């Protein structure tokens, strides 16, 4: 079973720096957290970038779809000013940029494949290509997670060495069969919908268990008592201090 960290930064460190940016990854590392989670989707010309929303507006101010915007245009946008003025000018990074920084900082990574509509397999294939090219085979590879089962199937078929995580808000009835078919190492669920009984079932089946997005220390402690392995949080500084 994949050894998950006790605390994982969500979208880098989303409460401390703009999400899915290199600044966010650096800020997460500064808190002492050893793993970060971030999202990957494709630009209109199929470049994998760290981003969560289909539309660019919330993060960059530009009302346009990521799937219809070239990487050149995305790269020119400001992904940091919305968060705080000190982050103005922070670009949307490529997956290659993100992996380079992860390796430089000595962090583990949970790469969530977050495809725009209809690009589940394409996004997974592009993600695998970058990871396989940029991540040394001799080093423990990143965890690849997704809500999209077609994306996980592509990772399984093209890069079986990359561990996979099945994501769900609520644990679906067929979670176990899906995890087995996709040859997953971990299951990730929304903490607010997890119960002690469901946690026990996941652990008894031999899977690592991560919960998102947990920003309350008392809730985190309860989940850990239930056997949850990893708390994915916007505030890794708070969680590392409280749970270490």
C-alpha atoms as a PDB file:
ATOM      1  CA  UNK A   1       0.000   0.000   0.000  1.00  0.00           C
ATOM      2  CA  UNK A   2       1.246   3.484  -0.873  1.00  0.00           C
ATOM      3  CA  UNK A   3       2.442   5.396   2.193  1.00  0.00           C
ATOM      4  CA  UNK A   4       0.426   8.606   2.293  1.00  0.00           C
ATOM      5  CA  UNK A   5       1.536  11.626   4.345  1.00  0.00           C
ATOM      6  CA  UNK A   6      -0.433  12.618   7.444  1.00  0.00           C
ATOM      7  CA  UNK A   7      -1.009  16.092   5.982  1.00  0.00           C
ATOM      8  CA  UNK A   8      -1.157  17.146   2.330  1.00  0.00           C
ATOM      9  CA  UNK A   9      -1.453  20.704   1.037  1.00  0.00           C
ATOM     10  CA  UNK A  10      -4.559  21.277  -1.113  1.00  0.00           C
ATOM     11  CA  UNK A  11      -3.881  22.983  -4.457  1.00  0.00           C
ATOM     12  CA  UNK A  12      -0.491  23.809  -2.970  1.00  0.00           C
ATOM     13  CA  UNK A  13      -1.541  25.737   0.121  1.00  0.00           C
ATOM     14  CA  UNK A  14      -4.798  27.347  -0.951  1.00  0.00           C
ATOM     15  CA  UNK A  15      -5.365  29.361   2.233  1.00  0.00           C
ATOM     16  CA  UNK A  16      -1.861  30.837   2.131  1.00  0.00           C
ATOM     17  CA  UNK A  17      -1.126  31.504  -1.551  1.00  0.00           C
ATOM     18  CA  UNK A  18      -2.923  31.444  -4.908  1.00  0.00           C
ATOM     19  CA  UNK A  19      -4.022  27.906  -5.695  1.00  0.00           C
ATOM     20  CA  UNK A  20      -2.251  25.727  -8.241  1.00  0.00           C
ATOM     21  CA  UNK A  21       0.740  28.053  -8.599  1.00  0.00           C
ATOM     22  CA  UNK A  22       4.446  27.665  -8.003  1.00  0.00           C
ATOM     23  CA  UNK A  23       4.111  30.252  -5.217  1.00  0.00           C
ATOM     24  CA  UNK A  24       1.521  28.030  -3.589  1.00  0.00           C
ATOM     25  CA  UNK A  25       3.784  24.982  -3.774  1.00  0.00           C
ATOM     26  CA  UNK A  26       6.665  26.962  -2.266  1.00  0.00           C
ATOM     27  CA  UNK A  27       4.434  28.265   0.520  1.00  0.00           C
ATOM     28  CA  UNK A  28       3.240  24.735   1.252  1.00  0.00           C
ATOM     29  CA  UNK A  29       6.825  23.495   1.516  1.00  0.00           C
ATOM     30  CA  UNK A  30       7.614  26.325   3.936  1.00  0.00           C
ATOM     31  CA  UNK A  31       4.942  25.030   6.342  1.00  0.00           C
ATOM     32  CA  UNK A  32       6.775  21.721   6.689  1.00  0.00           C
ATOM     33  CA  UNK A  33       4.205  19.678   4.764  1.00  0.00           C
ATOM     34  CA  UNK A  34       5.865  16.959   2.688  1.00  0.00           C
ATOM     35  CA  UNK A  35       3.224  16.435  -0.016  1.00  0.00           C
ATOM     36  CA  UNK A  36       1.039  18.729  -2.093  1.00  0.00           C
ATOM     37  CA  UNK A  37      -2.031  18.109  -4.206  1.00  0.00           C
ATOM     38  CA  UNK A  38      -2.724  20.092  -7.373  1.00  0.00           C
ATOM     39  CA  UNK A  39      -5.027  19.967 -10.391  1.00  0.00           C
ATOM     40  CA  UNK A  40      -4.069  19.446 -14.030  1.00  0.00           C
ATOM     41  CA  UNK A  41      -6.122  20.305 -17.114  1.00  0.00           C
ATOM     42  CA  UNK A  42      -5.359  21.060 -20.752  1.00  0.00           C
ATOM     43  CA  UNK A  43      -5.236  24.384 -22.554  1.00  0.00           C
ATOM     44  CA  UNK A  44      -6.942  24.704 -25.920  1.00  0.00           C
ATOM     45  CA  UNK A  45      -3.742  23.566 -27.616  1.00  0.00           C
ATOM     46  CA  UNK A  46      -3.337  20.598 -25.243  1.00  0.00           C
ATOM     47  CA  UNK A  47      -0.639  21.850 -22.869  1.00  0.00           C
ATOM     48  CA  UNK A  48      -1.115  20.381 -19.341  1.00  0.00           C
ATOM     49  CA  UNK A  49      -1.287  23.221 -16.798  1.00  0.00           C
ATOM     50  CA  UNK A  50      -2.020  23.535 -13.092  1.00  0.00           C
ATOM     51  CA  UNK A  51      -5.594  24.836 -12.905  1.00  0.00           C
ATOM     52  CA  UNK A  52      -8.944  23.830 -11.427  1.00  0.00           C
ATOM     53  CA  UNK A  53     -11.808  25.691 -13.129  1.00  0.00           C
ATOM     54  CA  UNK A  54     -13.126  25.235 -16.667  1.00  0.00           C
ATOM     55  CA  UNK A  55     -13.397  29.024 -16.888  1.00  0.00           C
ATOM     56  CA  UNK A  56     -10.408  31.306 -16.324  1.00  0.00           C
ATOM     57  CA  UNK A  57     -12.399  34.150 -14.764  1.00  0.00           C
ATOM     58  CA  UNK A  58     -12.253  33.354 -11.027  1.00  0.00           C
ATOM     59  CA  UNK A  59      -8.480  33.067 -10.979  1.00  0.00           C
ATOM     60  CA  UNK A  60      -7.285  35.324 -13.803  1.00  0.00           C
ATOM     61  CA  UNK A  61     -10.185  37.708 -14.409  1.00  0.00           C
ATOM     62  CA  UNK A  62     -10.504  36.674 -18.052  1.00  0.00           C
ATOM     63  CA  UNK A  63     -13.937  35.311 -18.968  1.00  0.00           C
ATOM     64  CA  UNK A  64     -12.854  32.505 -21.255  1.00  0.00           C
ATOM     65  CA  UNK A  65     -12.780  28.723 -21.227  1.00  0.00           C
ATOM     66  CA  UNK A  66      -9.457  27.020 -20.606  1.00  0.00           C
ATOM     67  CA  UNK A  67     -10.307  24.517 -23.347  1.00  0.00           C
ATOM     68  CA  UNK A  68     -10.619  27.354 -25.873  1.00  0.00           C
ATOM     69  CA  UNK A  69      -7.513  29.329 -24.853  1.00  0.00           C
ATOM     70  CA  UNK A  70      -3.989  28.691 -26.119  1.00  0.00           C
ATOM     71  CA  UNK A  71      -1.132  28.165 -23.715  1.00  0.00           C
ATOM     72  CA  UNK A  72       0.508  31.358 -24.977  1.00  0.00           C
ATOM     73  CA  UNK A  73      -2.568  33.342 -23.946  1.00  0.00           C
ATOM     74  CA  UNK A  74      -2.954  31.497 -20.640  1.00  0.00           C
ATOM     75  CA  UNK A  75       0.686  32.101 -19.765  1.00  0.00           C
ATOM     76  CA  UNK A  76       0.204  35.855 -20.202  1.00  0.00           C
ATOM     77  CA  UNK A  77      -2.556  35.972 -17.555  1.00  0.00           C
ATOM     78  CA  UNK A  78      -2.134  36.875 -13.886  1.00  0.00           C
ATOM     79  CA  UNK A  79      -3.074  33.964 -11.584  1.00  0.00           C
ATOM     80  CA  UNK A  80      -1.949  35.626  -8.353  1.00  0.00           C
ATOM     81  CA  UNK A  81      -3.345  39.164  -8.041  1.00  0.00           C
ATOM     82  CA  UNK A  82      -6.858  37.932  -7.164  1.00  0.00           C
ATOM     83  CA  UNK A  83      -5.480  36.348  -4.004  1.00  0.00           C
ATOM     84  CA  UNK A  84      -3.325  39.197  -2.682  1.00  0.00           C
ATOM     85  CA  UNK A  85      -1.344  42.019  -4.310  1.00  0.00           C
ATOM     86  CA  UNK A  86       1.950  40.446  -3.236  1.00  0.00           C
ATOM     87  CA  UNK A  87       1.276  37.587  -5.662  1.00  0.00           C
ATOM     88  CA  UNK A  88       0.546  39.801  -8.664  1.00  0.00           C
ATOM     89  CA  UNK A  89       2.143  38.493 -11.823  1.00  0.00           C
ATOM     90  CA  UNK A  90       2.138  34.844 -10.744  1.00  0.00           C
ATOM     91  CA  UNK A  91       1.568  32.807 -13.923  1.00  0.00           C
ATOM     92  CA  UNK A  92      -0.419  29.648 -14.532  1.00  0.00           C
ATOM     93  CA  UNK A  93       2.343  26.991 -14.464  1.00  0.00           C
ATOM     94  CA  UNK A  94       2.681  24.022 -16.751  1.00  0.00           C
ATOM     95  CA  UNK A  95       2.725  20.548 -15.264  1.00  0.00           C
ATOM     96  CA  UNK A  96       6.376  20.387 -16.262  1.00  0.00           C
ATOM     97  CA  UNK A  97       7.035  23.570 -14.238  1.00  0.00           C
ATOM     98  CA  UNK A  98       5.225  22.089 -11.261  1.00  0.00           C
ATOM     99  CA  UNK A  99       7.083  18.787 -11.329  1.00  0.00           C
ATOM    100  CA  UNK A 100      10.441  20.536 -11.588  1.00  0.00           C
ATOM    101  CA  UNK A 101       9.674  22.549  -8.461  1.00  0.00           C
ATOM    102  CA  UNK A 102       8.315  19.509  -6.614  1.00  0.00           C
ATOM    103  CA  UNK A 103      11.583  17.696  -7.247  1.00  0.00           C
ATOM    104  CA  UNK A 104      13.669  20.737  -6.307  1.00  0.00           C
ATOM    105  CA  UNK A 105      11.827  21.020  -2.976  1.00  0.00           C
ATOM    106  CA  UNK A 106      11.884  17.275  -2.307  1.00  0.00           C
ATOM    107  CA  UNK A 107       8.096  17.020  -2.041  1.00  0.00           C
ATOM    108  CA  UNK A 108       5.684  14.245  -2.839  1.00  0.00           C
ATOM    109  CA  UNK A 109       2.830  15.038  -5.232  1.00  0.00           C
ATOM    110  CA  UNK A 110      -0.789  14.065  -5.675  1.00  0.00           C
ATOM    111  CA  UNK A 111      -1.637  15.083  -9.240  1.00  0.00           C
ATOM    112  CA  UNK A 112      -5.390  15.327  -9.722  1.00  0.00           C
ATOM    113  CA  UNK A 113      -6.418  14.967 -13.352  1.00  0.00           C
ATOM    114  CA  UNK A 114      -9.173  17.578 -13.729  1.00  0.00           C
ATOM    115  CA  UNK A 115     -10.256  17.378 -17.372  1.00  0.00           C
ATOM    116  CA  UNK A 116     -12.522  19.866 -19.057  1.00  0.00           C
ATOM    117  CA  UNK A 117     -15.660  18.364 -20.596  1.00  0.00           C
ATOM    118  CA  UNK A 118     -14.984  15.519 -22.996  1.00  0.00           C
ATOM    119  CA  UNK A 119     -11.204  15.481 -22.497  1.00  0.00           C
ATOM    120  CA  UNK A 120     -10.912  12.787 -19.818  1.00  0.00           C
ATOM    121  CA  UNK A 121      -8.662  10.444 -21.779  1.00  0.00           C
ATOM    122  CA  UNK A 122      -6.737  13.166 -23.586  1.00  0.00           C
ATOM    123  CA  UNK A 123      -5.883  14.934 -20.341  1.00  0.00           C
ATOM    124  CA  UNK A 124      -4.741  11.702 -18.736  1.00  0.00           C
ATOM    125  CA  UNK A 125      -2.564  10.799 -21.718  1.00  0.00           C
ATOM    126  CA  UNK A 126      -0.906  14.230 -21.713  1.00  0.00           C
ATOM    127  CA  UNK A 127      -0.347  14.036 -17.947  1.00  0.00           C
ATOM    128  CA  UNK A 128       1.267  10.605 -18.227  1.00  0.00           C
ATOM    129  CA  UNK A 129       3.538  11.790 -21.025  1.00  0.00           C
ATOM    130  CA  UNK A 130       4.872  14.688 -18.940  1.00  0.00           C
ATOM    131  CA  UNK A 131       5.297  12.633 -15.767  1.00  0.00           C
ATOM    132  CA  UNK A 132       7.079   9.814 -17.572  1.00  0.00           C
ATOM    133  CA  UNK A 133       9.383  12.278 -19.334  1.00  0.00           C
ATOM    134  CA  UNK A 134      10.137  14.535 -16.360  1.00  0.00           C
ATOM    135  CA  UNK A 135      10.129  12.195 -13.358  1.00  0.00           C
ATOM    136  CA  UNK A 136      13.151   9.868 -12.965  1.00  0.00           C
ATOM    137  CA  UNK A 137      12.211   6.212 -13.004  1.00  0.00           C
ATOM    138  CA  UNK A 138      14.469   5.562 -10.011  1.00  0.00           C
ATOM    139  CA  UNK A 139      12.477   7.936  -7.751  1.00  0.00           C
ATOM    140  CA  UNK A 140       9.100   7.167  -6.116  1.00  0.00           C
ATOM    141  CA  UNK A 141       6.545   8.505  -8.608  1.00  0.00           C
ATOM    142  CA  UNK A 142       3.713  10.963  -7.953  1.00  0.00           C
ATOM    143  CA  UNK A 143       0.245   9.695  -7.108  1.00  0.00           C
ATOM    144  CA  UNK A 144      -2.246  10.270  -9.937  1.00  0.00           C
ATOM    145  CA  UNK A 145      -5.824  10.769  -8.776  1.00  0.00           C
ATOM    146  CA  UNK A 146      -9.097  11.659 -10.457  1.00  0.00           C
ATOM    147  CA  UNK A 147     -12.870  11.613 -10.207  1.00  0.00           C
ATOM    148  CA  UNK A 148     -12.848  10.488 -13.851  1.00  0.00           C
ATOM    149  CA  UNK A 149     -12.546   6.746 -14.219  1.00  0.00           C
ATOM    150  CA  UNK A 150     -11.651   6.966 -17.909  1.00  0.00           C
ATOM    151  CA  UNK A 151      -8.685   9.131 -16.925  1.00  0.00           C
ATOM    152  CA  UNK A 152      -7.498   6.587 -14.375  1.00  0.00           C
ATOM    153  CA  UNK A 153      -7.923   3.794 -16.907  1.00  0.00           C
ATOM    154  CA  UNK A 154      -5.568   5.605 -19.293  1.00  0.00           C
ATOM    155  CA  UNK A 155      -2.967   5.951 -16.535  1.00  0.00           C
ATOM    156  CA  UNK A 156      -3.307   2.256 -15.697  1.00  0.00           C
ATOM    157  CA  UNK A 157      -2.887   1.230 -19.325  1.00  0.00           C
ATOM    158  CA  UNK A 158      -0.073   3.608 -20.264  1.00  0.00           C
ATOM    159  CA  UNK A 159       1.947   3.870 -17.069  1.00  0.00           C
ATOM    160  CA  UNK A 160       1.117   1.090 -14.647  1.00  0.00           C
ATOM    161  CA  UNK A 161       4.027   2.111 -12.382  1.00  0.00           C
ATOM    162  CA  UNK A 162       2.223   5.341 -11.443  1.00  0.00           C
ATOM    163  CA  UNK A 163       0.054   4.797  -8.351  1.00  0.00           C
ATOM    164  CA  UNK A 164      -3.576   5.795  -8.760  1.00  0.00           C
ATOM    165  CA  UNK A 165      -6.203   7.250  -6.443  1.00  0.00           C
ATOM    166  CA  UNK A 166      -9.975   7.021  -6.929  1.00  0.00           C
ATOM    167  CA  UNK A 167     -11.721  10.267  -5.949  1.00  0.00           C
ATOM    168  CA  UNK A 168     -15.341  10.655  -4.849  1.00  0.00           C
ATOM    169  CA  UNK A 169     -17.315  13.238  -2.913  1.00  0.00           C
ATOM    170  CA  UNK A 170     -19.567  10.533  -1.468  1.00  0.00           C
ATOM    171  CA  UNK A 171     -18.320   6.960  -1.501  1.00  0.00           C
ATOM    172  CA  UNK A 172     -20.230   5.271  -4.370  1.00  0.00           C
ATOM    173  CA  UNK A 173     -21.697   1.814  -4.023  1.00  0.00           C
ATOM    174  CA  UNK A 174     -19.314   0.411  -6.608  1.00  0.00           C
ATOM    175  CA  UNK A 175     -16.172   2.003  -5.163  1.00  0.00           C
ATOM    176  CA  UNK A 176     -14.470  -1.306  -4.416  1.00  0.00           C
ATOM    177  CA  UNK A 177     -15.008  -2.837  -7.843  1.00  0.00           C
ATOM    178  CA  UNK A 178     -13.898   0.427  -9.481  1.00  0.00           C
ATOM    179  CA  UNK A 179     -10.765   0.642  -7.355  1.00  0.00           C
ATOM    180  CA  UNK A 180      -9.907  -2.954  -8.209  1.00  0.00           C
ATOM    181  CA  UNK A 181     -10.503  -2.600 -11.954  1.00  0.00           C
ATOM    182  CA  UNK A 182      -8.472   0.617 -12.072  1.00  0.00           C
ATOM    183  CA  UNK A 183      -5.775  -0.972  -9.881  1.00  0.00           C
ATOM    184  CA  UNK A 184      -5.827   1.940  -7.452  1.00  0.00           C
ATOM    185  CA  UNK A 185      -3.634   2.291  -4.395  1.00  0.00           C
ATOM    186  CA  UNK A 186      -5.761   4.888  -2.616  1.00  0.00           C
ATOM    187  CA  UNK A 187      -9.312   6.148  -2.205  1.00  0.00           C
ATOM    188  CA  UNK A 188     -10.002   9.850  -1.586  1.00  0.00           C
ATOM    189  CA  UNK A 189     -13.350  11.090  -0.278  1.00  0.00           C
ATOM    190  CA  UNK A 190     -14.855  14.307   1.026  1.00  0.00           C
ATOM    191  CA  UNK A 191     -14.410  14.324   4.783  1.00  0.00           C
ATOM    192  CA  UNK A 192     -17.912  15.633   5.449  1.00  0.00           C
ATOM    193  CA  UNK A 193     -19.448  12.510   3.920  1.00  0.00           C
ATOM    194  CA  UNK A 194     -17.159   9.905   5.464  1.00  0.00           C
ATOM    195  CA  UNK A 195     -18.280   7.769   8.388  1.00  0.00           C
ATOM    196  CA  UNK A 196     -16.259   5.554  10.695  1.00  0.00           C
ATOM    197  CA  UNK A 197     -17.908   2.494   9.138  1.00  0.00           C
ATOM    198  CA  UNK A 198     -17.027   3.529   5.583  1.00  0.00           C
ATOM    199  CA  UNK A 199     -13.476   4.374   6.607  1.00  0.00           C
ATOM    200  CA  UNK A 200     -13.106   0.940   8.157  1.00  0.00           C
ATOM    201  CA  UNK A 201     -14.330  -0.729   4.955  1.00  0.00           C
ATOM    202  CA  UNK A 202     -11.803   1.140   2.824  1.00  0.00           C
ATOM    203  CA  UNK A 203      -8.944   0.338   5.166  1.00  0.00           C
ATOM    204  CA  UNK A 204      -9.983  -3.307   5.514  1.00  0.00           C
ATOM    205  CA  UNK A 205      -9.878  -3.621   1.725  1.00  0.00           C
ATOM    206  CA  UNK A 206      -6.232  -2.549   1.799  1.00  0.00           C
ATOM    207  CA  UNK A 207      -6.427   0.966   0.390  1.00  0.00           C
ATOM    208  CA  UNK A 208      -4.791   4.136   1.567  1.00  0.00           C
ATOM    209  CA  UNK A 209      -7.433   6.674   2.601  1.00  0.00           C
ATOM    210  CA  UNK A 210      -7.260  10.438   2.108  1.00  0.00           C
ATOM    211  CA  UNK A 211      -9.913  13.031   2.972  1.00  0.00           C
ATOM    212  CA  UNK A 212     -10.491  16.464   1.431  1.00  0.00           C
ATOM    213  CA  UNK A 213     -10.818  19.393   2.089  1.00  0.00           C
ATOM    214  CA  UNK A 214     -10.272  19.451   5.853  1.00  0.00           C
ATOM    215  CA  UNK A 215      -9.543  22.812   7.477  1.00  0.00           C
ATOM    216  CA  UNK A 216     -10.828  22.128  10.993  1.00  0.00           C
ATOM    217  CA  UNK A 217      -8.372  20.511  13.392  1.00  0.00           C
ATOM    218  CA  UNK A 218     -11.041  18.744  15.459  1.00  0.00           C
ATOM    219  CA  UNK A 219     -12.521  17.182  12.322  1.00  0.00           C
ATOM    220  CA  UNK A 220      -9.056  16.126  11.193  1.00  0.00           C
ATOM    221  CA  UNK A 221      -8.404  14.394  14.515  1.00  0.00           C
ATOM    222  CA  UNK A 222     -11.701  12.534  14.298  1.00  0.00           C
ATOM    223  CA  UNK A 223     -10.904  11.342  10.780  1.00  0.00           C
ATOM    224  CA  UNK A 224      -7.451  10.177  11.838  1.00  0.00           C
ATOM    225  CA  UNK A 225      -9.048   8.271  14.716  1.00  0.00           C
ATOM    226  CA  UNK A 226     -11.209   6.509  12.133  1.00  0.00           C
ATOM    227  CA  UNK A 227      -8.106   5.335  10.294  1.00  0.00           C
ATOM    228  CA  UNK A 228      -7.783   8.044   7.638  1.00  0.00           C
ATOM    229  CA  UNK A 229      -4.178   8.188   6.461  1.00  0.00           C
ATOM    230  CA  UNK A 230      -3.998  11.663   4.960  1.00  0.00           C
ATOM    231  CA  UNK A 231      -5.693  15.008   5.593  1.00  0.00           C
ATOM    232  CA  UNK A 232      -5.811  17.225   2.492  1.00  0.00           C
ATOM    233  CA  UNK A 233      -6.064  20.826   3.658  1.00  0.00           C
ATOM    234  CA  UNK A 234      -5.966  24.419   2.465  1.00  0.00           C
ATOM    235  CA  UNK A 235      -4.088  25.287   5.674  1.00  0.00           C
ATOM    236  CA  UNK A 236      -1.113  22.934   5.938  1.00  0.00           C
ATOM    237  CA  UNK A 237       0.557  25.293   8.409  1.00  0.00           C
ATOM    238  CA  UNK A 238      -2.282  24.820  10.899  1.00  0.00           C
ATOM    239  CA  UNK A 239      -2.572  21.066  10.353  1.00  0.00           C
ATOM    240  CA  UNK A 240       1.165  20.355  10.506  1.00  0.00           C
ATOM    241  CA  UNK A 241       1.422  22.283  13.777  1.00  0.00           C
ATOM    242  CA  UNK A 242      -1.618  20.593  15.313  1.00  0.00           C
ATOM    243  CA  UNK A 243      -1.097  17.023  14.126  1.00  0.00           C
ATOM    244  CA  UNK A 244       2.650  16.529  14.167  1.00  0.00           C
END
